[in-house]
């Protein structure tokens, strides 16, 4: 009766991924490491460029832990989406300002002086 279908001992429970072989488990990224990655963008003048380059490296490097790789890819995707939204908003603001008759008269005043 112990090994009959439906008895508690007959069920096969799914093992968590990497539970059978702990050597294949991905390394844990420490809080200190996450903090360092996040604070990198706050370096004046060059921080934004360095942060972009590092995210590209982390996103596509084979040696990067999967957690950091996924974070870098998501971060890059959000940056691209935000950039497109900002460009579209700037286009509509510029278009609205250029269509204003008062602004057109100012432009015509300065065209004669140039």
PDB file of N, CA and C in Angstrom:
ATOM      1  N   UNK A   1       0.812  -1.190   0.000  1.00  0.00           N
ATOM      2  CA  UNK A   1       0.000   0.000   0.000  1.00  0.00           C
ATOM      3  C   UNK A   1       0.863   1.263   0.000  1.00  0.00           C
ATOM      4  N   UNK A   2       2.115   1.148   0.374  1.00  0.00           N
ATOM      5  CA  UNK A   2       2.978   2.319   0.439  1.00  0.00           C
ATOM      6  C   UNK A   2       3.325   2.877  -0.931  1.00  0.00           C
ATOM      7  N   UNK A   3       3.478   2.036  -1.941  1.00  0.00           N
ATOM      8  CA  UNK A   3       3.895   2.502  -3.256  1.00  0.00           C
ATOM      9  C   UNK A   3       2.768   2.539  -4.270  1.00  0.00           C
ATOM     10  N   UNK A   4       1.542   2.530  -3.834  1.00  0.00           N
ATOM     11  CA  UNK A   4       0.417   2.607  -4.754  1.00  0.00           C
ATOM     12  C   UNK A   4       0.311   4.012  -5.344  1.00  0.00           C
ATOM     13  N   UNK A   5      -0.324   4.075  -6.503  1.00  0.00           N
ATOM     14  CA  UNK A   5      -0.538   5.364  -7.145  1.00  0.00           C
ATOM     15  C   UNK A   5      -1.432   6.209  -6.249  1.00  0.00           C
ATOM     16  N   UNK A   6      -1.017   7.434  -6.022  1.00  0.00           N
ATOM     17  CA  UNK A   6      -1.797   8.333  -5.183  1.00  0.00           C
ATOM     18  C   UNK A   6      -1.279   8.403  -3.759  1.00  0.00           C
ATOM     19  N   UNK A   7      -0.425   7.473  -3.364  1.00  0.00           N
ATOM     20  CA  UNK A   7       0.123   7.546  -2.012  1.00  0.00           C
ATOM     21  C   UNK A   7       1.212   8.616  -1.985  1.00  0.00           C
ATOM     22  N   UNK A   8       1.475   9.213  -0.838  1.00  0.00           N
ATOM     23  CA  UNK A   8       2.447  10.301  -0.741  1.00  0.00           C
ATOM     24  C   UNK A   8       3.857   9.903  -1.186  1.00  0.00           C
ATOM     25  N   UNK A   9       4.211   8.649  -1.091  1.00  0.00           N
ATOM     26  CA  UNK A   9       5.571   8.258  -1.462  1.00  0.00           C
ATOM     27  C   UNK A   9       5.732   8.040  -2.960  1.00  0.00           C
ATOM     28  N   UNK A  10       4.650   8.014  -3.723  1.00  0.00           N
ATOM     29  CA  UNK A  10       4.766   7.746  -5.151  1.00  0.00           C
ATOM     30  C   UNK A  10       4.954   9.016  -5.986  1.00  0.00           C
ATOM     31  N   UNK A  11       4.797  10.184  -5.399  1.00  0.00           N
ATOM     32  CA  UNK A  11       4.925  11.429  -6.163  1.00  0.00           C
ATOM     33  C   UNK A  11       6.402  11.801  -6.345  1.00  0.00           C
ATOM     34  N   UNK A  12       6.701  12.279  -7.525  1.00  0.00           N
ATOM     35  CA  UNK A  12       8.044  12.784  -7.805  1.00  0.00           C
ATOM     36  C   UNK A  12       7.985  14.313  -7.695  1.00  0.00           C
ATOM     37  N   UNK A  13       8.688  14.860  -6.753  1.00  0.00           N
ATOM     38  CA  UNK A  13       8.692  16.302  -6.566  1.00  0.00           C
ATOM     39  C   UNK A  13       9.807  16.923  -7.408  1.00  0.00           C
ATOM     40  N   UNK A  14       9.488  18.038  -8.030  1.00  0.00           N
ATOM     41  CA  UNK A  14      10.478  18.730  -8.859  1.00  0.00           C
ATOM     42  C   UNK A  14      11.533  19.352  -7.961  1.00  0.00           C
ATOM     43  N   UNK A  15      12.770  19.135  -8.317  1.00  0.00           N
ATOM     44  CA  UNK A  15      13.876  19.734  -7.578  1.00  0.00           C
ATOM     45  C   UNK A  15      14.121  21.140  -8.104  1.00  0.00           C
ATOM     46  N   UNK A  16      14.459  22.073  -7.239  1.00  0.00           N
ATOM     47  CA  UNK A  16      14.803  23.416  -7.720  1.00  0.00           C
ATOM     48  C   UNK A  16      15.987  23.346  -8.672  1.00  0.00           C
ATOM     49  N   UNK A  17      16.028  24.289  -9.597  1.00  0.00           N
ATOM     50  CA  UNK A  17      17.115  24.321 -10.561  1.00  0.00           C
ATOM     51  C   UNK A  17      18.440  24.442  -9.828  1.00  0.00           C
ATOM     52  N   UNK A  18      19.442  23.708 -10.244  1.00  0.00           N
ATOM     53  CA  UNK A  18      20.781  23.682  -9.665  1.00  0.00           C
ATOM     54  C   UNK A  18      20.831  23.071  -8.273  1.00  0.00           C
ATOM     55  N   UNK A  19      19.759  22.455  -7.786  1.00  0.00           N
ATOM     56  CA  UNK A  19      19.777  21.855  -6.458  1.00  0.00           C
ATOM     57  C   UNK A  19      20.598  20.577  -6.446  1.00  0.00           C
ATOM     58  N   UNK A  20      20.606  19.822  -7.550  1.00  0.00           N
ATOM     59  CA  UNK A  20      21.334  18.568  -7.602  1.00  0.00           C
ATOM     60  C   UNK A  20      22.838  18.803  -7.645  1.00  0.00           C
ATOM     61  N   UNK A  21      23.294  19.881  -8.244  1.00  0.00           N
ATOM     62  CA  UNK A  21      24.711  20.157  -8.386  1.00  0.00           C
ATOM     63  C   UNK A  21      25.004  21.583  -7.927  1.00  0.00           C
ATOM     64  N   UNK A  22      25.395  21.769  -6.669  1.00  0.00           N
ATOM     65  CA  UNK A  22      25.602  23.129  -6.152  1.00  0.00           C
ATOM     66  C   UNK A  22      26.741  23.878  -6.840  1.00  0.00           C
ATOM     67  N   UNK A  23      27.659  23.181  -7.533  1.00  0.00           N
ATOM     68  CA  UNK A  23      28.746  23.871  -8.218  1.00  0.00           C
ATOM     69  C   UNK A  23      28.243  24.673  -9.412  1.00  0.00           C
ATOM     70  N   UNK A  24      27.082  24.317  -9.974  1.00  0.00           N
ATOM     71  CA  UNK A  24      26.565  25.045 -11.135  1.00  0.00           C
ATOM     72  C   UNK A  24      25.672  26.212 -10.740  1.00  0.00           C
ATOM     73  N   UNK A  25      25.423  26.383  -9.453  1.00  0.00           N
ATOM     74  CA  UNK A  25      24.581  27.499  -9.008  1.00  0.00           C
ATOM     75  C   UNK A  25      25.289  28.814  -9.315  1.00  0.00           C
ATOM     76  N   UNK A  26      24.519  29.824  -9.730  1.00  0.00           N
ATOM     77  CA  UNK A  26      25.120  31.110 -10.078  1.00  0.00           C
ATOM     78  C   UNK A  26      25.608  31.809  -8.819  1.00  0.00           C
ATOM     79  N   UNK A  27      26.688  32.566  -8.930  1.00  0.00           N
ATOM     80  CA  UNK A  27      27.223  33.252  -7.759  1.00  0.00           C
ATOM     81  C   UNK A  27      26.274  34.357  -7.284  1.00  0.00           C
ATOM     82  N   UNK A  28      26.263  34.569  -5.993  1.00  0.00           N
ATOM     83  CA  UNK A  28      25.432  35.614  -5.408  1.00  0.00           C
ATOM     84  C   UNK A  28      26.175  36.941  -5.542  1.00  0.00           C
ATOM     85  N   UNK A  29      25.467  37.951  -6.022  1.00  0.00           N
ATOM     86  CA  UNK A  29      26.056  39.286  -6.151  1.00  0.00           C
ATOM     87  C   UNK A  29      25.771  40.034  -4.860  1.00  0.00           C
ATOM     88  N   UNK A  30      26.828  40.486  -4.212  1.00  0.00           N
ATOM     89  CA  UNK A  30      26.687  41.122  -2.898  1.00  0.00           C
ATOM     90  C   UNK A  30      26.054  42.511  -3.012  1.00  0.00           C
ATOM     91  N   UNK A  31      25.555  42.992  -1.907  1.00  0.00           N
ATOM     92  CA  UNK A  31      24.985  44.341  -1.846  1.00  0.00           C
ATOM     93  C   UNK A  31      26.048  45.378  -2.182  1.00  0.00           C
ATOM     94  N   UNK A  32      27.261  45.142  -1.722  1.00  0.00           N
ATOM     95  CA  UNK A  32      28.372  46.048  -2.003  1.00  0.00           C
ATOM     96  C   UNK A  32      28.624  46.137  -3.514  1.00  0.00           C
ATOM     97  N   UNK A  33      28.561  45.007  -4.192  1.00  0.00           N
ATOM     98  CA  UNK A  33      28.748  45.002  -5.646  1.00  0.00           C
ATOM     99  C   UNK A  33      27.616  45.736  -6.357  1.00  0.00           C
ATOM    100  N   UNK A  34      26.373  45.487  -5.928  1.00  0.00           N
ATOM    101  CA  UNK A  34      25.224  46.191  -6.520  1.00  0.00           C
ATOM    102  C   UNK A  34      25.354  47.687  -6.287  1.00  0.00           C
ATOM    103  N   UNK A  35      25.760  48.072  -5.082  1.00  0.00           N
ATOM    104  CA  UNK A  35      25.924  49.485  -4.765  1.00  0.00           C
ATOM    105  C   UNK A  35      26.974  50.112  -5.673  1.00  0.00           C
ATOM    106  N   UNK A  36      28.086  49.411  -5.873  1.00  0.00           N
ATOM    107  CA  UNK A  36      29.146  49.911  -6.750  1.00  0.00           C
ATOM    108  C   UNK A  36      28.659  50.091  -8.178  1.00  0.00           C
ATOM    109  N   UNK A  37      27.857  49.137  -8.659  1.00  0.00           N
ATOM    110  CA  UNK A  37      27.329  49.245 -10.015  1.00  0.00           C
ATOM    111  C   UNK A  37      26.394  50.438 -10.141  1.00  0.00           C
ATOM    112  N   UNK A  38      25.566  50.653  -9.128  1.00  0.00           N
ATOM    113  CA  UNK A  38      24.592  51.748  -9.192  1.00  0.00           C
ATOM    114  C   UNK A  38      25.253  53.122  -9.028  1.00  0.00           C
ATOM    115  N   UNK A  39      26.266  53.208  -8.172  1.00  0.00           N
ATOM    116  CA  UNK A  39      26.891  54.505  -7.897  1.00  0.00           C
ATOM    117  C   UNK A  39      27.814  54.937  -9.037  1.00  0.00           C
ATOM    118  N   UNK A  40      28.179  54.004  -9.907  1.00  0.00           N
ATOM    119  CA  UNK A  40      29.067  54.301 -11.024  1.00  0.00           C
ATOM    120  C   UNK A  40      28.535  55.430 -11.903  1.00  0.00           C
ATOM    121  N   UNK A  41      27.233  55.497 -12.067  1.00  0.00           N
ATOM    122  CA  UNK A  41      26.644  56.519 -12.937  1.00  0.00           C
ATOM    123  C   UNK A  41      26.716  57.923 -12.347  1.00  0.00           C
ATOM    124  N   UNK A  42      27.033  58.057 -11.079  1.00  0.00           N
ATOM    125  CA  UNK A  42      27.036  59.368 -10.443  1.00  0.00           C
ATOM    126  C   UNK A  42      28.401  60.053 -10.482  1.00  0.00           C
ATOM    127  N   UNK A  43      29.379  59.447 -11.146  1.00  0.00           N
ATOM    128  CA  UNK A  43      30.679  60.103 -11.301  1.00  0.00           C
ATOM    129  C   UNK A  43      30.480  61.277 -12.261  1.00  0.00           C
ATOM    130  N   UNK A  44      30.867  62.495 -11.850  1.00  0.00           N
ATOM    131  CA  UNK A  44      30.628  63.666 -12.704  1.00  0.00           C
ATOM    132  C   UNK A  44      31.293  63.540 -14.076  1.00  0.00           C
ATOM    133  N   UNK A  45      30.598  64.003 -15.091  1.00  0.00           N
ATOM    134  CA  UNK A  45      31.042  64.117 -16.479  1.00  0.00           C
ATOM    135  C   UNK A  45      31.209  62.774 -17.198  1.00  0.00           C
ATOM    136  N   UNK A  46      31.992  61.861 -16.660  1.00  0.00           N
ATOM    137  CA  UNK A  46      32.277  60.610 -17.371  1.00  0.00           C
ATOM    138  C   UNK A  46      31.441  59.436 -16.881  1.00  0.00           C
ATOM    139  N   UNK A  47      30.736  59.613 -15.778  1.00  0.00           N
ATOM    140  CA  UNK A  47      29.978  58.512 -15.177  1.00  0.00           C
ATOM    141  C   UNK A  47      28.927  57.922 -16.094  1.00  0.00           C
ATOM    142  N   UNK A  48      28.229  58.761 -16.823  1.00  0.00           N
ATOM    143  CA  UNK A  48      27.172  58.277 -17.707  1.00  0.00           C
ATOM    144  C   UNK A  48      27.749  57.420 -18.827  1.00  0.00           C
ATOM    145  N   UNK A  49      28.862  57.851 -19.392  1.00  0.00           N
ATOM    146  CA  UNK A  49      29.486  57.094 -20.474  1.00  0.00           C
ATOM    147  C   UNK A  49      30.049  55.770 -19.946  1.00  0.00           C
ATOM    148  N   UNK A  50      30.746  55.829 -18.815  1.00  0.00           N
ATOM    149  CA  UNK A  50      31.304  54.611 -18.221  1.00  0.00           C
ATOM    150  C   UNK A  50      30.178  53.641 -17.873  1.00  0.00           C
ATOM    151  N   UNK A  51      29.109  54.158 -17.300  1.00  0.00           N
ATOM    152  CA  UNK A  51      27.969  53.323 -16.907  1.00  0.00           C
ATOM    153  C   UNK A  51      27.345  52.655 -18.135  1.00  0.00           C
ATOM    154  N   UNK A  52      27.209  53.376 -19.231  1.00  0.00           N
ATOM    155  CA  UNK A  52      26.660  52.802 -20.463  1.00  0.00           C
ATOM    156  C   UNK A  52      27.569  51.696 -20.993  1.00  0.00           C
ATOM    157  N   UNK A  53      28.863  51.970 -21.047  1.00  0.00           N
ATOM    158  CA  UNK A  53      29.816  50.973 -21.542  1.00  0.00           C
ATOM    159  C   UNK A  53      29.806  49.730 -20.650  1.00  0.00           C
ATOM    160  N   UNK A  54      29.794  49.920 -19.345  1.00  0.00           N
ATOM    161  CA  UNK A  54      29.802  48.776 -18.424  1.00  0.00           C
ATOM    162  C   UNK A  54      28.511  47.961 -18.556  1.00  0.00           C
ATOM    163  N   UNK A  55      27.381  48.633 -18.736  1.00  0.00           N
ATOM    164  CA  UNK A  55      26.138  47.878 -18.936  1.00  0.00           C
ATOM    165  C   UNK A  55      26.187  47.071 -20.222  1.00  0.00           C
ATOM    166  N   UNK A  56      26.784  47.609 -21.271  1.00  0.00           N
ATOM    167  CA  UNK A  56      26.944  46.854 -22.516  1.00  0.00           C
ATOM    168  C   UNK A  56      27.847  45.642 -22.292  1.00  0.00           C
ATOM    169  N   UNK A  57      28.929  45.831 -21.553  1.00  0.00           N
ATOM    170  CA  UNK A  57      29.827  44.714 -21.259  1.00  0.00           C
ATOM    171  C   UNK A  57      29.109  43.666 -20.422  1.00  0.00           C
ATOM    172  N   UNK A  58      28.437  44.104 -19.359  1.00  0.00           N
ATOM    173  CA  UNK A  58      27.737  43.154 -18.485  1.00  0.00           C
ATOM    174  C   UNK A  58      26.621  42.437 -19.226  1.00  0.00           C
ATOM    175  N   UNK A  59      25.963  43.104 -20.155  1.00  0.00           N
ATOM    176  CA  UNK A  59      24.831  42.503 -20.857  1.00  0.00           C
ATOM    177  C   UNK A  59      25.265  41.424 -21.843  1.00  0.00           C
ATOM    178  N   UNK A  60      26.457  41.546 -22.422  1.00  0.00           N
ATOM    179  CA  UNK A  60      26.837  40.638 -23.494  1.00  0.00           C
ATOM    180  C   UNK A  60      28.102  39.819 -23.228  1.00  0.00           C
ATOM    181  N   UNK A  61      28.695  39.938 -22.049  1.00  0.00           N
ATOM    182  CA  UNK A  61      29.886  39.170 -21.710  1.00  0.00           C
ATOM    183  C   UNK A  61      29.490  37.781 -21.220  1.00  0.00           C
ATOM    184  N   UNK A  62      30.208  36.776 -21.661  1.00  0.00           N
ATOM    185  CA  UNK A  62      29.891  35.395 -21.272  1.00  0.00           C
ATOM    186  C   UNK A  62      30.244  35.109 -19.814  1.00  0.00           C
ATOM    187  N   UNK A  63      31.168  35.855 -19.243  1.00  0.00           N
ATOM    188  CA  UNK A  63      31.611  35.610 -17.870  1.00  0.00           C
ATOM    189  C   UNK A  63      30.724  36.282 -16.816  1.00  0.00           C
ATOM    190  N   UNK A  64      29.798  37.119 -17.240  1.00  0.00           N
ATOM    191  CA  UNK A  64      28.938  37.849 -16.313  1.00  0.00           C
ATOM    192  C   UNK A  64      27.902  36.901 -15.708  1.00  0.00           C
ATOM    193  N   UNK A  65      27.690  36.979 -14.384  1.00  0.00           N
ATOM    194  CA  UNK A  65      26.644  36.145 -13.773  1.00  0.00           C
ATOM    195  C   UNK A  65      25.276  36.456 -14.392  1.00  0.00           C
ATOM    196  N   UNK A  66      24.413  35.441 -14.507  1.00  0.00           N
ATOM    197  CA  UNK A  66      23.106  35.647 -15.163  1.00  0.00           C
ATOM    198  C   UNK A  66      22.260  36.745 -14.538  1.00  0.00           C
ATOM    199  N   UNK A  67      22.313  36.900 -13.227  1.00  0.00           N
ATOM    200  CA  UNK A  67      21.522  37.940 -12.571  1.00  0.00           C
ATOM    201  C   UNK A  67      21.954  39.322 -13.024  1.00  0.00           C
ATOM    202  N   UNK A  68      23.271  39.553 -13.034  1.00  0.00           N
ATOM    203  CA  UNK A  68      23.789  40.853 -13.462  1.00  0.00           C
ATOM    204  C   UNK A  68      23.538  41.064 -14.953  1.00  0.00           C
ATOM    205  N   UNK A  69      23.659  40.004 -15.746  1.00  0.00           N
ATOM    206  CA  UNK A  69      23.433  40.090 -17.189  1.00  0.00           C
ATOM    207  C   UNK A  69      21.994  40.486 -17.485  1.00  0.00           C
ATOM    208  N   UNK A  70      21.034  39.861 -16.808  1.00  0.00           N
ATOM    209  CA  UNK A  70      19.618  40.191 -17.013  1.00  0.00           C
ATOM    210  C   UNK A  70      19.316  41.615 -16.574  1.00  0.00           C
ATOM    211  N   UNK A  71      19.908  42.030 -15.447  1.00  0.00           N
ATOM    212  CA  UNK A  71      19.702  43.400 -14.973  1.00  0.00           C
ATOM    213  C   UNK A  71      20.257  44.400 -15.996  1.00  0.00           C
ATOM    214  N   UNK A  72      21.449  44.125 -16.527  1.00  0.00           N
ATOM    215  CA  UNK A  72      22.062  45.051 -17.488  1.00  0.00           C
ATOM    216  C   UNK A  72      21.229  45.134 -18.766  1.00  0.00           C
ATOM    217  N   UNK A  73      20.725  43.999 -19.230  1.00  0.00           N
ATOM    218  CA  UNK A  73      19.898  44.009 -20.441  1.00  0.00           C
ATOM    219  C   UNK A  73      18.602  44.786 -20.215  1.00  0.00           C
ATOM    220  N   UNK A  74      17.961  44.556 -19.072  1.00  0.00           N
ATOM    221  CA  UNK A  74      16.725  45.283 -18.771  1.00  0.00           C
ATOM    222  C   UNK A  74      16.998  46.776 -18.627  1.00  0.00           C
ATOM    223  N   UNK A  75      18.104  47.118 -18.001  1.00  0.00           N
ATOM    224  CA  UNK A  75      18.474  48.519 -17.823  1.00  0.00           C
ATOM    225  C   UNK A  75      18.730  49.202 -19.160  1.00  0.00           C
ATOM    226  N   UNK A  76      19.402  48.512 -20.065  1.00  0.00           N
ATOM    227  CA  UNK A  76      19.638  49.066 -21.406  1.00  0.00           C
ATOM    228  C   UNK A  76      18.329  49.239 -22.163  1.00  0.00           C
ATOM    229  N   UNK A  77      17.443  48.274 -22.047  1.00  0.00           N
ATOM    230  CA  UNK A  77      16.146  48.358 -22.723  1.00  0.00           C
ATOM    231  C   UNK A  77      15.340  49.544 -22.207  1.00  0.00           C
ATOM    232  N   UNK A  78      15.336  49.745 -20.905  1.00  0.00           N
ATOM    233  CA  UNK A  78      14.623  50.888 -20.325  1.00  0.00           C
ATOM    234  C   UNK A  78      15.245  52.197 -20.813  1.00  0.00           C
ATOM    235  N   UNK A  79      16.566  52.249 -20.901  1.00  0.00           N
ATOM    236  CA  UNK A  79      17.236  53.457 -21.384  1.00  0.00           C
ATOM    237  C   UNK A  79      16.853  53.771 -22.831  1.00  0.00           C
ATOM    238  N   UNK A  80      16.787  52.750 -23.671  1.00  0.00           N
ATOM    239  CA  UNK A  80      16.407  52.952 -25.076  1.00  0.00           C
ATOM    240  C   UNK A  80      14.961  53.434 -25.165  1.00  0.00           C
ATOM    241  N   UNK A  81      14.074  52.806 -24.424  1.00  0.00           N
ATOM    242  CA  UNK A  81      12.654  53.212 -24.432  1.00  0.00           C
ATOM    243  C   UNK A  81      12.515  54.652 -23.953  1.00  0.00           C
ATOM    244  N   UNK A  82      13.200  54.995 -22.863  1.00  0.00           N
ATOM    245  CA  UNK A  82      13.129  56.365 -22.340  1.00  0.00           C
ATOM    246  C   UNK A  82      13.686  57.366 -23.350  1.00  0.00           C
ATOM    247  N   UNK A  83      14.782  57.015 -24.023  1.00  0.00           N
ATOM    248  CA  UNK A  83      15.354  57.903 -25.031  1.00  0.00           C
ATOM    249  C   UNK A  83      14.401  58.161 -26.183  1.00  0.00           C
ATOM    250  N   UNK A  84      13.722  57.122 -26.639  1.00  0.00           N
ATOM    251  CA  UNK A  84      12.754  57.286 -27.735  1.00  0.00           C
ATOM    252  C   UNK A  84      11.586  58.162 -27.290  1.00  0.00           C
ATOM    253  N   UNK A  85      11.087  57.933 -26.090  1.00  0.00           N
ATOM    254  CA  UNK A  85       9.976  58.744 -25.575  1.00  0.00           C
ATOM    255  C   UNK A  85      10.395  60.205 -25.451  1.00  0.00           C
ATOM    256  N   UNK A  86      11.602  60.452 -24.974  1.00  0.00           N
ATOM    257  CA  UNK A  86      12.084  61.830 -24.834  1.00  0.00           C
ATOM    258  C   UNK A  86      12.234  62.497 -26.202  1.00  0.00           C
ATOM    259  N   UNK A  87      12.765  61.768 -27.184  1.00  0.00           N
ATOM    260  CA  UNK A  87      12.901  62.337 -28.532  1.00  0.00           C
ATOM    261  C   UNK A  87      11.547  62.677 -29.144  1.00  0.00           C
ATOM    262  N   UNK A  88      10.567  61.810 -28.954  1.00  0.00           N
ATOM    263  CA  UNK A  88       9.220  62.084 -29.474  1.00  0.00           C
ATOM    264  C   UNK A  88       8.626  63.308 -28.787  1.00  0.00           C
ATOM    265  N   UNK A  89       8.793  63.409 -27.474  1.00  0.00           N
ATOM    266  CA  UNK A  89       8.277  64.568 -26.742  1.00  0.00           C
ATOM    267  C   UNK A  89       8.968  65.848 -27.197  1.00  0.00           C
ATOM    268  N   UNK A  90      10.284  65.803 -27.394  1.00  0.00           N
ATOM    269  CA  UNK A  90      11.007  66.984 -27.856  1.00  0.00           C
ATOM    270  C   UNK A  90      10.541  67.405 -29.246  1.00  0.00           C
ATOM    271  N   UNK A  91      10.272  66.439 -30.116  1.00  0.00           N
ATOM    272  CA  UNK A  91       9.782  66.753 -31.458  1.00  0.00           C
ATOM    273  C   UNK A  91       8.461  67.503 -31.388  1.00  0.00           C
ATOM    274  N   UNK A  92       7.529  67.020 -30.551  1.00  0.00           N
ATOM    275  CA  UNK A  92       6.228  67.680 -30.457  1.00  0.00           C
ATOM    276  C   UNK A  92       6.321  69.050 -29.813  1.00  0.00           C
ATOM    277  N   UNK A  93       7.191  69.226 -28.835  1.00  0.00           N
ATOM    278  CA  UNK A  93       7.374  70.547 -28.221  1.00  0.00           C
ATOM    279  C   UNK A  93       7.963  71.512 -29.237  1.00  0.00           C
ATOM    280  N   UNK A  94       8.987  71.062 -29.969  1.00  0.00           N
ATOM    281  CA  UNK A  94       9.607  71.911 -30.986  1.00  0.00           C
ATOM    282  C   UNK A  94       8.600  72.282 -32.070  1.00  0.00           C
ATOM    283  N   UNK A  95       7.821  71.312 -32.493  1.00  0.00           N
ATOM    284  CA  UNK A  95       6.815  71.553 -33.529  1.00  0.00           C
ATOM    285  C   UNK A  95       5.771  72.560 -33.043  1.00  0.00           C
ATOM    286  N   UNK A  96       5.357  72.449 -31.796  1.00  0.00           N
ATOM    287  CA  UNK A  96       4.370  73.361 -31.227  1.00  0.00           C
ATOM    288  C   UNK A  96       4.925  74.782 -31.120  1.00  0.00           C
ATOM    289  N   UNK A  97       6.175  74.900 -30.680  1.00  0.00           N
ATOM    290  CA  UNK A  97       6.788  76.225 -30.532  1.00  0.00           C
ATOM    291  C   UNK A  97       6.975  76.876 -31.903  1.00  0.00           C
ATOM    292  N   UNK A  98       7.426  76.104 -32.866  1.00  0.00           N
ATOM    293  CA  UNK A  98       7.659  76.661 -34.203  1.00  0.00           C
ATOM    294  C   UNK A  98       6.356  77.079 -34.885  1.00  0.00           C
ATOM    295  N   UNK A  99       5.248  76.483 -34.528  1.00  0.00           N
ATOM    296  CA  UNK A  99       3.967  76.821 -35.149  1.00  0.00           C
ATOM    297  C   UNK A  99       3.317  78.052 -34.506  1.00  0.00           C
ATOM    298  N   UNK A 100       3.859  78.526 -33.405  1.00  0.00           N
ATOM    299  CA  UNK A 100       3.288  79.678 -32.703  1.00  0.00           C
ATOM    300  C   UNK A 100       3.527  80.955 -33.530  1.00  0.00           C
ATOM    301  N   UNK A 101       2.463  81.713 -33.851  1.00  0.00           N
ATOM    302  CA  UNK A 101       2.624  82.933 -34.668  1.00  0.00           C
ATOM    303  C   UNK A 101       3.537  83.974 -34.011  1.00  0.00           C
ATOM    304  N   UNK A 102       3.503  84.063 -32.704  1.00  0.00           N
ATOM    305  CA  UNK A 102       4.350  85.039 -32.015  1.00  0.00           C
ATOM    306  C   UNK A 102       5.824  84.676 -32.215  1.00  0.00           C
ATOM    307  N   UNK A 103       6.152  83.423 -32.140  1.00  0.00           N
ATOM    308  CA  UNK A 103       7.529  82.974 -32.361  1.00  0.00           C
ATOM    309  C   UNK A 103       7.942  83.197 -33.818  1.00  0.00           C
ATOM    310  N   UNK A 104       7.005  83.001 -34.748  1.00  0.00           N
ATOM    311  CA  UNK A 104       7.301  83.211 -36.168  1.00  0.00           C
ATOM    312  C   UNK A 104       7.658  84.680 -36.436  1.00  0.00           C
ATOM    313  N   UNK A 105       6.965  85.594 -35.764  1.00  0.00           N
ATOM    314  CA  UNK A 105       7.272  87.020 -35.965  1.00  0.00           C
ATOM    315  C   UNK A 105       8.650  87.360 -35.397  1.00  0.00           C
ATOM    316  N   UNK A 106       9.040  86.736 -34.309  1.00  0.00           N
ATOM    317  CA  UNK A 106      10.376  86.968 -33.743  1.00  0.00           C
ATOM    318  C   UNK A 106      11.445  86.450 -34.716  1.00  0.00           C
ATOM    319  N   UNK A 107      11.215  85.306 -35.288  1.00  0.00           N
ATOM    320  CA  UNK A 107      12.176  84.736 -36.247  1.00  0.00           C
ATOM    321  C   UNK A 107      12.308  85.655 -37.459  1.00  0.00           C
ATOM    322  N   UNK A 108      11.193  86.187 -37.946  1.00  0.00           N
ATOM    323  CA  UNK A 108      11.233  87.062 -39.124  1.00  0.00           C
ATOM    324  C   UNK A 108      11.977  88.351 -38.815  1.00  0.00           C
ATOM    325  N   UNK A 109      11.894  88.853 -37.586  1.00  0.00           N
ATOM    326  CA  UNK A 109      12.640  90.057 -37.200  1.00  0.00           C
ATOM    327  C   UNK A 109      14.137  89.811 -37.274  1.00  0.00           C
ATOM    328  N   UNK A 110      14.557  88.655 -36.792  1.00  0.00           N
ATOM    329  CA  UNK A 110      15.994  88.362 -36.759  1.00  0.00           C
ATOM    330  C   UNK A 110      16.544  87.880 -38.098  1.00  0.00           C
ATOM    331  N   UNK A 111      15.706  87.433 -39.005  1.00  0.00           N
ATOM    332  CA  UNK A 111      16.181  87.001 -40.318  1.00  0.00           C
ATOM    333  C   UNK A 111      16.731  88.187 -41.114  1.00  0.00           C
ATOM    334  N   UNK A 112      16.177  89.333 -40.934  1.00  0.00           N
ATOM    335  CA  UNK A 112      16.642  90.524 -41.653  1.00  0.00           C
ATOM    336  C   UNK A 112      17.980  91.028 -41.137  1.00  0.00           C
ATOM    337  N   UNK A 113      18.336  90.732 -39.891  1.00  0.00           N
ATOM    338  CA  UNK A 113      19.585  91.239 -39.315  1.00  0.00           C
ATOM    339  C   UNK A 113      20.769  90.326 -39.602  1.00  0.00           C
ATOM    340  N   UNK A 114      20.516  89.113 -39.997  1.00  0.00           N
ATOM    341  CA  UNK A 114      21.612  88.159 -40.222  1.00  0.00           C
ATOM    342  C   UNK A 114      22.151  88.255 -41.599  1.00  0.00           C
TER     343      UNK A 114
END
